PDB file of all heavy atoms in Angstrom:
ATOM      1  N   SER A   1     105.820 113.130  94.185  1.00  0.00           N
ATOM      2  CA  SER A   1     105.760 114.104  93.149  1.00  0.00           C
ATOM      3  C   SER A   1     105.691 113.504  91.848  1.00  0.00           C
ATOM      4  O   SER A   1     106.293 112.446  91.554  1.00  0.00           O
ATOM      5  CB  SER A   1     107.119 114.916  93.184  1.00  0.00           C
ATOM      6  OG  SER A   1     107.080 115.967  92.253  1.00  0.00           O
ATOM      7  N   VAL A   2     104.788 114.012  91.005  1.00  0.00           N
ATOM      8  CA  VAL A   2     104.457 113.463  89.733  1.00  0.00           C
ATOM      9  C   VAL A   2     104.197 114.515  88.782  1.00  0.00           C
ATOM     10  O   VAL A   2     103.766 115.594  89.070  1.00  0.00           O
ATOM     11  CB  VAL A   2     103.296 112.489  89.893  1.00  0.00           C
ATOM     12  CG1 VAL A   2     101.940 113.236  90.242  1.00  0.00           C
ATOM     13  CG2 VAL A   2     103.124 111.655  88.594  1.00  0.00           C
ATOM     14  N   GLN A   3     104.386 114.284  87.512  1.00  0.00           N
ATOM     15  CA  GLN A   3     104.135 115.201  86.408  1.00  0.00           C
ATOM     16  C   GLN A   3     102.671 115.181  86.097  1.00  0.00           C
ATOM     17  O   GLN A   3     101.962 114.202  86.350  1.00  0.00           O
ATOM     18  CB  GLN A   3     104.792 114.854  85.148  1.00  0.00           C
ATOM     19  CG  GLN A   3     106.436 115.053  85.266  1.00  0.00           C
ATOM     20  CD  GLN A   3     106.886 116.287  84.632  1.00  0.00           C
ATOM     21  OE1 GLN A   3     106.932 116.364  83.380  1.00  0.00           O
ATOM     22  NE2 GLN A   3     107.290 117.314  85.405  1.00  0.00           N
ATOM     23  N   SER A   4     102.158 116.340  85.590  1.00  0.00           N
ATOM     24  CA  SER A   4     100.762 116.440  85.136  1.00  0.00           C
ATOM     25  C   SER A   4     100.444 115.306  84.161  1.00  0.00           C
ATOM     26  O   SER A   4     101.204 114.947  83.246  1.00  0.00           O
ATOM     27  CB  SER A   4     100.533 117.764  84.571  1.00  0.00           C
ATOM     28  OG  SER A   4      99.105 117.913  84.123  1.00  0.00           O
ATOM     29  N   GLY A   5      99.276 114.685  84.405  1.00  0.00           N
ATOM     30  CA  GLY A   5      98.902 113.560  83.716  1.00  0.00           C
ATOM     31  C   GLY A   5      99.369 112.232  84.179  1.00  0.00           C
ATOM     32  O   GLY A   5      98.857 111.136  83.677  1.00  0.00           O
ATOM     33  N   GLY A   6     100.177 112.161  85.195  1.00  0.00           N
ATOM     34  CA  GLY A   6     100.623 110.962  85.810  1.00  0.00           C
ATOM     35  C   GLY A   6      99.691 110.372  86.855  1.00  0.00           C
ATOM     36  O   GLY A   6      98.530 110.852  87.083  1.00  0.00           O
ATOM     37  N   SER A   7     100.151 109.285  87.462  1.00  0.00           N
ATOM     38  CA  SER A   7      99.243 108.599  88.429  1.00  0.00           C
ATOM     39  C   SER A   7      99.894 108.282  89.779  1.00  0.00           C
ATOM     40  O   SER A   7     101.168 108.078  89.709  1.00  0.00           O
ATOM     41  CB  SER A   7      98.789 107.242  87.809  1.00  0.00           C
ATOM     42  OG  SER A   7      97.985 107.411  86.656  1.00  0.00           O
ATOM     43  N   LEU A   8      99.143 108.103  90.815  1.00  0.00           N
ATOM     44  CA  LEU A   8      99.693 107.742  92.121  1.00  0.00           C
ATOM     45  C   LEU A   8      98.638 106.947  92.735  1.00  0.00           C
ATOM     46  O   LEU A   8      97.422 107.158  92.497  1.00  0.00           O
ATOM     47  CB  LEU A   8      99.958 108.880  92.962  1.00  0.00           C
ATOM     48  CG  LEU A   8     101.315 109.762  92.684  1.00  0.00           C
ATOM     49  CD1 LEU A   8     101.307 110.976  93.574  1.00  0.00           C
ATOM     50  CD2 LEU A   8     102.552 108.945  92.921  1.00  0.00           C
ATOM     51  N   ARG A   9      98.960 106.029  93.694  1.00  0.00           N
ATOM     52  CA  ARG A   9      98.088 105.334  94.415  1.00  0.00           C
ATOM     53  C   ARG A   9      98.454 105.423  95.898  1.00  0.00           C
ATOM     54  O   ARG A   9      99.488 105.149  96.361  1.00  0.00           O
ATOM     55  CB  ARG A   9      98.065 103.788  94.028  1.00  0.00           C
ATOM     56  CG  ARG A   9      96.904 102.969  94.893  1.00  0.00           C
ATOM     57  CD  ARG A   9      96.862 101.503  94.495  1.00  0.00           C
ATOM     58  NE  ARG A   9      97.935 100.868  95.225  1.00  0.00           N
ATOM     59  CZ  ARG A   9      97.950  99.494  95.443  1.00  0.00           C
ATOM     60  NH1 ARG A   9      96.842  98.849  95.023  1.00  0.00           N
ATOM     61  NH2 ARG A   9      99.020  98.970  95.997  1.00  0.00           N
ATOM     62  N   LEU A  10      97.509 106.122  96.565  1.00  0.00           N
ATOM     63  CA  LEU A  10      97.718 106.312  98.070  1.00  0.00           C
ATOM     64  C   LEU A  10      97.113 105.097  98.858  1.00  0.00           C
ATOM     65  O   LEU A  10      96.018 104.545  98.442  1.00  0.00           O
ATOM     66  CB  LEU A  10      97.056 107.590  98.462  1.00  0.00           C
ATOM     67  CG  LEU A  10      97.248 108.908  97.744  1.00  0.00           C
ATOM     68  CD1 LEU A  10      96.570 110.063  98.423  1.00  0.00           C
ATOM     69  CD2 LEU A  10      98.865 109.100  97.716  1.00  0.00           C
ATOM     70  N   SER A  11      97.693 104.840  99.929  1.00  0.00           N
ATOM     71  CA  SER A  11      97.189 103.681 100.771  1.00  0.00           C
ATOM     72  C   SER A  11      97.067 104.200 102.222  1.00  0.00           C
ATOM     73  O   SER A  11      97.702 105.173 102.610  1.00  0.00           O
ATOM     74  CB  SER A  11      98.323 102.534 100.815  1.00  0.00           C
ATOM     75  OG  SER A  11      98.490 101.965  99.516  1.00  0.00           O
ATOM     76  N   CYS A  12      96.065 103.731 102.864  1.00  0.00           N
ATOM     77  CA  CYS A  12      95.674 103.970 104.184  1.00  0.00           C
ATOM     78  C   CYS A  12      95.610 102.681 105.036  1.00  0.00           C
ATOM     79  O   CYS A  12      94.701 101.943 104.806  1.00  0.00           O
ATOM     80  CB  CYS A  12      94.422 104.790 104.343  1.00  0.00           C
ATOM     81  SG  CYS A  12      93.881 105.158 105.998  1.00  0.00           S
ATOM     82  N   ALA A  13      96.598 102.507 105.928  1.00  0.00           N
ATOM     83  CA  ALA A  13      96.524 101.243 106.737  1.00  0.00           C
ATOM     84  C   ALA A  13      95.748 101.586 107.956  1.00  0.00           C
ATOM     85  O   ALA A  13      95.983 102.627 108.731  1.00  0.00           O
ATOM     86  CB  ALA A  13      97.939 100.906 107.153  1.00  0.00           C
ATOM     87  N   VAL A  14      94.753 100.866 108.312  1.00  0.00           N
ATOM     88  CA  VAL A  14      93.790 101.118 109.514  1.00  0.00           C
ATOM     89  C   VAL A  14      94.209  99.976 110.503  1.00  0.00           C
ATOM     90  O   VAL A  14      94.243  98.833 110.313  1.00  0.00           O
ATOM     91  CB  VAL A  14      92.385 100.947 109.103  1.00  0.00           C
ATOM     92  CG1 VAL A  14      91.431 101.292 110.162  1.00  0.00           C
ATOM     93  CG2 VAL A  14      92.052 101.850 107.872  1.00  0.00           C
ATOM     94  N   SER A  15      94.264 100.557 111.732  1.00  0.00           N
ATOM     95  CA  SER A  15      94.463  99.707 112.925  1.00  0.00           C
ATOM     96  C   SER A  15      93.586 100.051 114.103  1.00  0.00           C
ATOM     97  O   SER A  15      93.240 101.190 114.158  1.00  0.00           O
ATOM     98  CB  SER A  15      95.932  99.473 113.221  1.00  0.00           C
ATOM     99  OG  SER A  15      96.445 100.808 113.690  1.00  0.00           O
ATOM    100  N   GLY A  16      93.629  99.324 115.112  1.00  0.00           N
ATOM    101  CA  GLY A  16      92.742  99.611 116.254  1.00  0.00           C
ATOM    102  C   GLY A  16      91.460  98.977 116.090  1.00  0.00           C
ATOM    103  O   GLY A  16      91.280  97.939 115.412  1.00  0.00           O
ATOM    104  N   TYR A  17      90.421  99.519 116.860  1.00  0.00           N
ATOM    105  CA  TYR A  17      89.062  98.875 116.756  1.00  0.00           C
ATOM    106  C   TYR A  17      88.367  99.175 115.429  1.00  0.00           C
ATOM    107  O   TYR A  17      87.340  98.612 115.175  1.00  0.00           O
ATOM    108  CB  TYR A  17      88.235  99.252 118.018  1.00  0.00           C
ATOM    109  CG  TYR A  17      87.979 100.693 118.153  1.00  0.00           C
ATOM    110  CD1 TYR A  17      86.886 101.330 117.507  1.00  0.00           C
ATOM    111  CD2 TYR A  17      88.773 101.551 119.069  1.00  0.00           C
ATOM    112  CE1 TYR A  17      86.646 102.691 117.731  1.00  0.00           C
ATOM    113  CE2 TYR A  17      88.443 102.871 119.250  1.00  0.00           C
ATOM    114  CZ  TYR A  17      87.395 103.316 118.558  1.00  0.00           C
ATOM    115  OH  TYR A  17      87.060 104.689 118.716  1.00  0.00           O
ATOM    116  N   MET A  18      88.757 100.203 114.749  1.00  0.00           N
ATOM    117  CA  MET A  18      88.209 100.433 113.439  1.00  0.00           C
ATOM    118  C   MET A  18      88.899  99.509 112.400  1.00  0.00           C
ATOM    119  O   MET A  18      90.005  99.072 112.599  1.00  0.00           O
ATOM    120  CB  MET A  18      88.537 101.881 113.050  1.00  0.00           C
ATOM    121  CG  MET A  18      87.777 102.945 113.863  1.00  0.00           C
ATOM    122  SD  MET A  18      85.929 102.910 113.577  1.00  0.00           S
ATOM    123  CE  MET A  18      85.895 103.532 111.854  1.00  0.00           C
ATOM    124  N   ASP A  19      88.173  99.353 111.309  1.00  0.00           N
ATOM    125  CA  ASP A  19      88.807  98.620 110.167  1.00  0.00           C
ATOM    126  C   ASP A  19      88.343  99.266 108.906  1.00  0.00           C
ATOM    127  O   ASP A  19      87.450 100.080 108.884  1.00  0.00           O
ATOM    128  CB  ASP A  19      88.522  97.157 110.241  1.00  0.00           C
ATOM    129  CG  ASP A  19      87.020  96.827 110.244  1.00  0.00           C
ATOM    130  OD1 ASP A  19      86.367  97.078 109.216  1.00  0.00           O
ATOM    131  OD2 ASP A  19      86.537  96.286 111.158  1.00  0.00           O
ATOM    132  N   SER A  20      88.857  98.839 107.806  1.00  0.00           N
ATOM    133  CA  SER A  20      88.535  99.409 106.525  1.00  0.00           C
ATOM    134  C   SER A  20      87.176  99.120 105.979  1.00  0.00           C
ATOM    135  O   SER A  20      86.693  99.644 104.946  1.00  0.00           O
ATOM    136  CB  SER A  20      89.554  98.981 105.416  1.00  0.00           C
ATOM    137  OG  SER A  20      89.556  97.586 105.216  1.00  0.00           O
ATOM    138  N   GLY A  21      86.472  98.211 106.701  1.00  0.00           N
ATOM    139  CA  GLY A  21      85.070  97.926 106.389  1.00  0.00           C
ATOM    140  C   GLY A  21      84.103  98.973 106.831  1.00  0.00           C
ATOM    141  O   GLY A  21      82.892  98.934 106.444  1.00  0.00           O
ATOM    142  N   ASN A  22      84.666  99.892 107.705  1.00  0.00           N
ATOM    143  CA  ASN A  22      83.798 100.999 108.060  1.00  0.00           C
ATOM    144  C   ASN A  22      83.783 102.008 107.065  1.00  0.00           C
ATOM    145  O   ASN A  22      84.333 101.931 106.024  1.00  0.00           O
ATOM    146  CB  ASN A  22      84.210 101.560 109.458  1.00  0.00           C
ATOM    147  CG  ASN A  22      83.928 100.671 110.584  1.00  0.00           C
ATOM    148  OD1 ASN A  22      82.745 100.649 111.015  1.00  0.00           O
ATOM    149  ND2 ASN A  22      84.941  99.868 111.072  1.00  0.00           N
ATOM    150  N   CYS A  23      82.995 103.150 107.326  1.00  0.00           N
ATOM    151  CA  CYS A  23      83.004 104.209 106.264  1.00  0.00           C
ATOM    152  C   CYS A  23      84.364 104.949 106.282  1.00  0.00           C
ATOM    153  O   CYS A  23      84.816 105.315 107.410  1.00  0.00           O
ATOM    154  CB  CYS A  23      81.885 105.239 106.489  1.00  0.00           C
ATOM    155  SG  CYS A  23      80.227 104.541 106.232  1.00  0.00           S
ATOM    156  N   MET A  24      84.986 105.003 105.114  1.00  0.00           N
ATOM    157  CA  MET A  24      86.294 105.573 104.926  1.00  0.00           C
ATOM    158  C   MET A  24      86.181 106.755 103.927  1.00  0.00           C
ATOM    159  O   MET A  24      85.304 106.724 103.046  1.00  0.00           O
ATOM    160  CB  MET A  24      87.292 104.595 104.573  1.00  0.00           C
ATOM    161  CG  MET A  24      87.313 103.270 105.462  1.00  0.00           C
ATOM    162  SD  MET A  24      87.883 103.654 107.189  1.00  0.00           S
ATOM    163  CE  MET A  24      89.566 104.295 106.714  1.00  0.00           C
ATOM    164  N   ALA A  25      87.136 107.611 104.017  1.00  0.00           N
ATOM    165  CA  ALA A  25      87.128 108.701 103.061  1.00  0.00           C
ATOM    166  C   ALA A  25      88.598 109.246 102.842  1.00  0.00           C
ATOM    167  O   ALA A  25      89.469 108.996 103.721  1.00  0.00           O
ATOM    168  CB  ALA A  25      86.253 109.809 103.421  1.00  0.00           C
ATOM    169  N   TRP A  26      88.761 109.943 101.840  1.00  0.00           N
ATOM    170  CA  TRP A  26      90.090 110.721 101.549  1.00  0.00           C
ATOM    171  C   TRP A  26      89.681 112.179 101.487  1.00  0.00           C
ATOM    172  O   TRP A  26      88.736 112.560 100.766  1.00  0.00           O
ATOM    173  CB  TRP A  26      90.802 110.258 100.339  1.00  0.00           C
ATOM    174  CG  TRP A  26      91.438 108.865 100.350  1.00  0.00           C
ATOM    175  CD1 TRP A  26      90.872 107.730 100.079  1.00  0.00           C
ATOM    176  CD2 TRP A  26      92.733 108.683 100.807  1.00  0.00           C
ATOM    177  NE1 TRP A  26      91.761 106.729 100.278  1.00  0.00           N
ATOM    178  CE2 TRP A  26      92.953 107.302 100.811  1.00  0.00           C
ATOM    179  CE3 TRP A  26      93.754 109.468 101.323  1.00  0.00           C
ATOM    180  CZ2 TRP A  26      94.212 106.686 101.153  1.00  0.00           C
ATOM    181  CZ3 TRP A  26      94.964 108.797 101.703  1.00  0.00           C
ATOM    182  CH2 TRP A  26      95.224 107.516 101.620  1.00  0.00           C
ATOM    183  N   PHE A  27      90.455 113.000 102.155  1.00  0.00           N
ATOM    184  CA  PHE A  27      90.358 114.389 102.161  1.00  0.00           C
ATOM    185  C   PHE A  27      91.608 114.933 101.624  1.00  0.00           C
ATOM    186  O   PHE A  27      92.698 114.311 101.702  1.00  0.00           O
ATOM    187  CB  PHE A  27      90.028 114.947 103.512  1.00  0.00           C
ATOM    188  CG  PHE A  27      88.520 114.690 103.816  1.00  0.00           C
ATOM    189  CD1 PHE A  27      88.138 113.552 104.286  1.00  0.00           C
ATOM    190  CD2 PHE A  27      87.648 115.823 103.864  1.00  0.00           C
ATOM    191  CE1 PHE A  27      86.771 113.278 104.675  1.00  0.00           C
ATOM    192  CE2 PHE A  27      86.279 115.575 104.246  1.00  0.00           C
ATOM    193  CZ  PHE A  27      85.926 114.290 104.673  1.00  0.00           C
TER     194      PHE A  27
END
């Protein structure tokens, strides 16, 4: 939770045969 105007950084840890070098996205 953050106030309007604030910042957050989301992280996505990838495991298995995929890795972060493939095409990735946030929805």
